[in-house]
N, C-alpha and C. Protein backbone atom coordinates (compact mmCIF):
# COMPACT_ATOMS: atom_id res chain seq x y z
N MET A 1 0.82 -1.19 0.00
CA MET A 1 0.00 0.00 0.00
C MET A 1 0.87 1.26 0.00
N LEU A 2 1.95 1.26 0.79
CA LEU A 2 2.83 2.43 0.80
C LEU A 2 3.47 2.65 -0.56
N GLU A 3 3.81 1.57 -1.23
CA GLU A 3 4.40 1.69 -2.57
C GLU A 3 3.41 2.32 -3.54
N SER A 4 2.13 1.96 -3.40
CA SER A 4 1.09 2.54 -4.26
C SER A 4 0.96 4.04 -4.03
N LEU A 5 0.99 4.44 -2.76
CA LEU A 5 0.91 5.87 -2.45
C LEU A 5 2.13 6.61 -2.98
N LYS A 6 3.30 5.99 -2.81
CA LYS A 6 4.53 6.62 -3.31
C LYS A 6 4.43 6.84 -4.81
N ASN A 7 3.98 5.83 -5.53
CA ASN A 7 3.84 5.96 -6.98
C ASN A 7 2.82 7.01 -7.37
N ALA A 8 1.73 7.09 -6.60
CA ALA A 8 0.68 8.05 -6.91
C ALA A 8 1.15 9.49 -6.75
N PHE A 9 1.96 9.73 -5.73
CA PHE A 9 2.36 11.10 -5.44
C PHE A 9 3.69 11.50 -6.07
N GLU A 10 4.41 10.55 -6.66
CA GLU A 10 5.68 10.89 -7.29
C GLU A 10 5.48 11.88 -8.44
N GLY A 11 4.51 11.62 -9.29
CA GLY A 11 4.22 12.53 -10.40
C GLY A 11 3.73 13.87 -9.91
N VAL A 12 2.94 13.85 -8.84
CA VAL A 12 2.44 15.10 -8.27
C VAL A 12 3.61 15.94 -7.74
N TRP A 13 4.54 15.30 -7.03
CA TRP A 13 5.69 16.02 -6.48
C TRP A 13 6.51 16.64 -7.61
N THR A 14 6.76 15.86 -8.67
CA THR A 14 7.52 16.38 -9.80
C THR A 14 6.82 17.60 -10.39
N GLY A 15 5.51 17.51 -10.54
CA GLY A 15 4.74 18.63 -11.07
C GLY A 15 4.80 19.86 -10.19
N VAL A 16 4.73 19.65 -8.88
CA VAL A 16 4.79 20.77 -7.94
C VAL A 16 6.14 21.47 -8.02
N VAL A 17 7.22 20.69 -8.01
CA VAL A 17 8.56 21.28 -8.08
C VAL A 17 8.71 22.07 -9.38
N ARG A 18 8.28 21.47 -10.50
CA ARG A 18 8.45 22.12 -11.79
C ARG A 18 7.51 23.31 -11.96
N THR A 19 6.53 23.46 -11.09
CA THR A 19 5.66 24.63 -11.10
C THR A 19 6.25 25.76 -10.27
N TYR A 20 6.75 25.43 -9.09
CA TYR A 20 7.21 26.48 -8.18
C TYR A 20 8.60 27.02 -8.49
N VAL A 21 9.45 26.24 -9.11
CA VAL A 21 10.79 26.75 -9.45
C VAL A 21 10.69 27.97 -10.37
N PRO A 22 9.88 27.96 -11.44
CA PRO A 22 9.75 29.18 -12.25
C PRO A 22 9.20 30.36 -11.46
N TRP A 23 8.31 30.10 -10.51
CA TRP A 23 7.80 31.19 -9.68
C TRP A 23 8.93 31.80 -8.86
N ILE A 24 9.77 30.96 -8.31
CA ILE A 24 10.89 31.45 -7.51
C ILE A 24 11.86 32.24 -8.38
N VAL A 25 12.14 31.72 -9.57
CA VAL A 25 13.00 32.45 -10.50
C VAL A 25 12.38 33.80 -10.83
N GLY A 26 11.09 33.80 -11.09
CA GLY A 26 10.39 35.06 -11.39
C GLY A 26 10.46 36.04 -10.24
N LEU A 27 10.30 35.54 -9.01
CA LEU A 27 10.41 36.42 -7.84
C LEU A 27 11.78 37.06 -7.73
N ILE A 28 12.79 36.25 -7.95
CA ILE A 28 14.17 36.77 -7.85
C ILE A 28 14.42 37.80 -8.94
N VAL A 29 14.03 37.49 -10.17
CA VAL A 29 14.23 38.43 -11.28
C VAL A 29 13.43 39.70 -11.04
N GLY A 30 12.18 39.56 -10.60
CA GLY A 30 11.35 40.74 -10.32
C GLY A 30 11.95 41.62 -9.26
N TRP A 31 12.47 41.00 -8.21
CA TRP A 31 13.09 41.77 -7.13
C TRP A 31 14.36 42.45 -7.62
N LEU A 32 15.19 41.73 -8.37
CA LEU A 32 16.45 42.30 -8.85
C LEU A 32 16.22 43.47 -9.81
N THR A 33 15.18 43.38 -10.62
CA THR A 33 14.96 44.46 -11.60
C THR A 33 14.48 45.75 -10.95
N THR A 34 13.94 45.67 -9.76
CA THR A 34 13.46 46.90 -9.11
C THR A 34 14.52 47.53 -8.22
N LEU A 35 15.64 46.87 -8.02
CA LEU A 35 16.69 47.45 -7.20
C LEU A 35 17.29 48.66 -7.90
N GLY A 36 17.36 49.73 -7.20
CA GLY A 36 17.98 50.93 -7.74
C GLY A 36 17.13 51.71 -8.72
N ILE A 37 15.91 51.26 -8.98
CA ILE A 37 15.03 52.00 -9.88
C ILE A 37 14.09 52.83 -9.02
N PRO A 38 14.16 54.15 -9.14
CA PRO A 38 13.27 54.98 -8.32
C PRO A 38 11.83 54.91 -8.85
N LEU A 39 10.96 54.32 -8.06
CA LEU A 39 9.54 54.19 -8.43
C LEU A 39 8.68 54.63 -7.26
N ASP A 40 7.49 55.13 -7.58
CA ASP A 40 6.52 55.41 -6.52
C ASP A 40 6.14 54.08 -5.89
N ASP A 41 5.90 54.09 -4.58
CA ASP A 41 5.52 52.86 -3.89
C ASP A 41 4.27 52.23 -4.51
N GLU A 42 3.36 53.09 -4.96
CA GLU A 42 2.12 52.61 -5.55
C GLU A 42 2.37 51.78 -6.81
N PHE A 43 3.35 52.17 -7.60
CA PHE A 43 3.65 51.46 -8.85
C PHE A 43 4.69 50.37 -8.68
N LYS A 44 5.51 50.49 -7.65
CA LYS A 44 6.58 49.51 -7.45
C LYS A 44 6.02 48.10 -7.28
N THR A 45 4.98 47.96 -6.49
CA THR A 45 4.37 46.64 -6.28
C THR A 45 3.80 46.09 -7.58
N ALA A 46 3.07 46.92 -8.30
CA ALA A 46 2.45 46.47 -9.54
C ALA A 46 3.50 46.06 -10.58
N ILE A 47 4.54 46.86 -10.70
CA ILE A 47 5.59 46.54 -11.68
C ILE A 47 6.35 45.29 -11.26
N THR A 48 6.62 45.16 -9.97
CA THR A 48 7.31 43.97 -9.48
C THR A 48 6.48 42.71 -9.76
N LEU A 49 5.19 42.78 -9.51
CA LEU A 49 4.32 41.64 -9.79
C LEU A 49 4.29 41.31 -11.28
N LEU A 50 4.21 42.32 -12.10
CA LEU A 50 4.19 42.10 -13.55
C LEU A 50 5.49 41.46 -14.03
N ILE A 51 6.61 42.01 -13.60
CA ILE A 51 7.91 41.46 -14.00
C ILE A 51 8.08 40.04 -13.47
N THR A 52 7.66 39.81 -12.24
CA THR A 52 7.76 38.48 -11.63
C THR A 52 6.97 37.45 -12.44
N THR A 53 5.75 37.79 -12.77
CA THR A 53 4.90 36.88 -13.53
C THR A 53 5.48 36.61 -14.91
N LEU A 54 5.87 37.65 -15.60
CA LEU A 54 6.44 37.48 -16.94
C LEU A 54 7.75 36.70 -16.91
N ALA A 55 8.60 37.01 -15.95
CA ALA A 55 9.89 36.31 -15.87
C ALA A 55 9.68 34.83 -15.60
N GLY A 56 8.78 34.49 -14.69
CA GLY A 56 8.51 33.09 -14.39
C GLY A 56 7.93 32.35 -15.59
N ALA A 57 7.00 32.98 -16.29
CA ALA A 57 6.38 32.36 -17.46
C ALA A 57 7.39 32.18 -18.59
N ILE A 58 8.21 33.18 -18.82
CA ILE A 58 9.23 33.09 -19.88
C ILE A 58 10.27 32.04 -19.52
N TRP A 59 10.68 32.00 -18.26
CA TRP A 59 11.64 30.99 -17.80
C TRP A 59 11.09 29.58 -18.09
N TYR A 60 9.84 29.34 -17.69
CA TYR A 60 9.23 28.03 -17.88
C TYR A 60 9.17 27.68 -19.37
N LEU A 61 8.70 28.61 -20.17
CA LEU A 61 8.58 28.37 -21.61
C LEU A 61 9.93 28.07 -22.25
N LEU A 62 10.93 28.87 -21.95
CA LEU A 62 12.26 28.65 -22.54
C LEU A 62 12.86 27.31 -22.11
N VAL A 63 12.73 26.97 -20.85
CA VAL A 63 13.29 25.71 -20.37
C VAL A 63 12.56 24.54 -21.02
N ARG A 64 11.25 24.62 -21.14
CA ARG A 64 10.49 23.53 -21.76
C ARG A 64 10.87 23.35 -23.23
N VAL A 65 11.10 24.44 -23.95
CA VAL A 65 11.52 24.34 -25.35
C VAL A 65 12.91 23.72 -25.44
N VAL A 66 13.84 24.20 -24.65
CA VAL A 66 15.20 23.67 -24.67
C VAL A 66 15.19 22.20 -24.22
N GLU A 67 14.33 21.88 -23.27
CA GLU A 67 14.25 20.53 -22.74
C GLU A 67 13.86 19.50 -23.82
N LYS A 68 13.14 19.93 -24.83
CA LYS A 68 12.77 19.04 -25.93
C LYS A 68 14.01 18.54 -26.67
N PHE A 69 15.05 19.35 -26.72
CA PHE A 69 16.27 18.99 -27.43
C PHE A 69 17.37 18.50 -26.48
N LYS A 70 17.39 19.04 -25.28
CA LYS A 70 18.37 18.68 -24.26
C LYS A 70 17.62 18.35 -22.96
N PRO A 71 17.23 17.08 -22.77
CA PRO A 71 16.41 16.72 -21.62
C PRO A 71 16.98 17.13 -20.25
N LYS A 72 18.29 17.21 -20.13
CA LYS A 72 18.87 17.60 -18.84
C LYS A 72 18.59 19.06 -18.49
N ALA A 73 18.17 19.85 -19.46
CA ALA A 73 17.81 21.24 -19.19
C ALA A 73 16.64 21.32 -18.22
N GLY A 74 15.88 20.23 -18.08
CA GLY A 74 14.78 20.20 -17.12
C GLY A 74 15.23 20.46 -15.70
N LEU A 75 16.52 20.28 -15.42
CA LEU A 75 17.04 20.61 -14.09
C LEU A 75 16.80 22.08 -13.75
N LEU A 76 16.70 22.91 -14.75
CA LEU A 76 16.44 24.33 -14.52
C LEU A 76 15.02 24.57 -14.02
N LEU A 77 14.19 23.52 -14.03
CA LEU A 77 12.86 23.59 -13.44
C LEU A 77 12.81 22.84 -12.12
N GLY A 78 13.98 22.40 -11.64
CA GLY A 78 14.06 21.73 -10.35
C GLY A 78 14.24 20.23 -10.46
N ILE A 79 13.62 19.60 -11.44
CA ILE A 79 13.73 18.16 -11.66
C ILE A 79 13.78 17.93 -13.16
N ALA A 80 14.72 17.09 -13.60
CA ALA A 80 14.93 16.89 -15.04
C ALA A 80 14.05 15.80 -15.62
N LYS A 81 12.81 15.74 -15.22
CA LYS A 81 11.87 14.82 -15.84
C LYS A 81 10.48 15.42 -15.75
N THR A 82 9.67 15.10 -16.72
CA THR A 82 8.30 15.59 -16.70
C THR A 82 7.47 14.68 -15.80
N PRO A 83 6.44 15.22 -15.17
CA PRO A 83 5.62 14.41 -14.28
C PRO A 83 4.86 13.33 -15.06
N VAL A 84 4.72 12.18 -14.44
CA VAL A 84 3.95 11.08 -15.02
C VAL A 84 2.89 10.68 -14.01
N TYR A 85 1.65 10.74 -14.41
CA TYR A 85 0.54 10.40 -13.53
C TYR A 85 -0.11 9.11 -14.05
N THR A 86 0.53 7.98 -13.82
CA THR A 86 0.02 6.74 -14.38
C THR A 86 -0.45 5.74 -13.34
N SER A 87 -0.21 5.97 -12.09
CA SER A 87 -0.53 4.98 -11.06
C SER A 87 -2.02 4.96 -10.77
N THR A 88 -2.69 3.94 -11.27
CA THR A 88 -4.12 3.80 -10.97
C THR A 88 -4.35 2.84 -9.81
N GLU A 89 -3.33 2.04 -9.47
CA GLU A 89 -3.49 1.09 -8.36
C GLU A 89 -3.61 1.80 -7.03
N ALA A 90 -3.16 3.03 -6.94
CA ALA A 90 -3.26 3.77 -5.69
C ALA A 90 -4.60 4.48 -5.55
N ALA A 91 -5.39 4.51 -6.60
CA ALA A 91 -6.65 5.23 -6.58
C ALA A 91 -7.55 4.80 -5.43
N PRO A 92 -7.73 3.50 -5.15
CA PRO A 92 -8.58 3.12 -4.02
C PRO A 92 -8.04 3.61 -2.67
N VAL A 93 -6.72 3.61 -2.53
CA VAL A 93 -6.11 4.07 -1.28
C VAL A 93 -6.35 5.56 -1.11
N VAL A 94 -6.11 6.33 -2.17
CA VAL A 94 -6.32 7.77 -2.11
C VAL A 94 -7.79 8.08 -1.86
N GLN A 95 -8.69 7.33 -2.51
CA GLN A 95 -10.12 7.55 -2.30
C GLN A 95 -10.51 7.25 -0.86
N ALA A 96 -9.94 6.19 -0.28
CA ALA A 96 -10.24 5.84 1.11
C ALA A 96 -9.79 6.96 2.05
N ILE A 97 -8.63 7.53 1.78
CA ILE A 97 -8.14 8.65 2.60
C ILE A 97 -9.07 9.85 2.45
N ALA A 98 -9.46 10.16 1.21
CA ALA A 98 -10.36 11.28 0.97
C ALA A 98 -11.70 11.06 1.66
N ASP A 99 -12.22 9.82 1.61
CA ASP A 99 -13.49 9.53 2.28
C ASP A 99 -13.36 9.72 3.79
N GLN A 100 -12.24 9.30 4.36
CA GLN A 100 -12.03 9.43 5.80
C GLN A 100 -11.96 10.90 6.20
N VAL A 101 -11.24 11.70 5.41
CA VAL A 101 -11.16 13.12 5.69
C VAL A 101 -12.54 13.76 5.61
N GLU A 102 -13.31 13.36 4.60
CA GLU A 102 -14.67 13.90 4.45
C GLU A 102 -15.54 13.52 5.65
N LEU A 103 -15.41 12.27 6.12
CA LEU A 103 -16.17 11.85 7.30
C LEU A 103 -15.77 12.65 8.53
N ASP A 104 -14.48 12.89 8.68
CA ASP A 104 -14.00 13.67 9.83
C ASP A 104 -14.56 15.08 9.78
N ILE A 105 -14.61 15.66 8.60
CA ILE A 105 -15.14 17.02 8.46
C ILE A 105 -16.63 17.04 8.78
N GLU A 106 -17.37 16.05 8.28
CA GLU A 106 -18.80 15.99 8.54
C GLU A 106 -19.09 15.78 10.02
N ASP A 107 -18.28 14.95 10.70
CA ASP A 107 -18.47 14.71 12.12
C ASP A 107 -18.28 15.98 12.94
N LYS A 108 -17.37 16.84 12.51
CA LYS A 108 -17.09 18.07 13.26
C LYS A 108 -18.12 19.16 12.99
N ALA A 109 -18.83 19.03 11.88
CA ALA A 109 -19.82 20.07 11.50
C ALA A 109 -21.07 20.00 12.31
């Protein structure tokens, strides 16, 4: 059963890492681009958010394109493999956990 859960969540973990690494890159780039630039406080937040979002999205797109030709480039997204969600044998275990959580919530309500 533990092996089934491990297989079920391995693809999820890979997906989470490959999602958040571009966000972190975007945050760093957004922060660095505003250093030393005199901006009104009102606009500084908006511009930082815009740059952060664009930098993260561009980072992800560029790495995914390069990764098609050089698979090791995926390391720039945190893990050099794309997520695989193929484990169906863990579905009953995950459903049982979800049912138990739902029962616990209903009991407390």
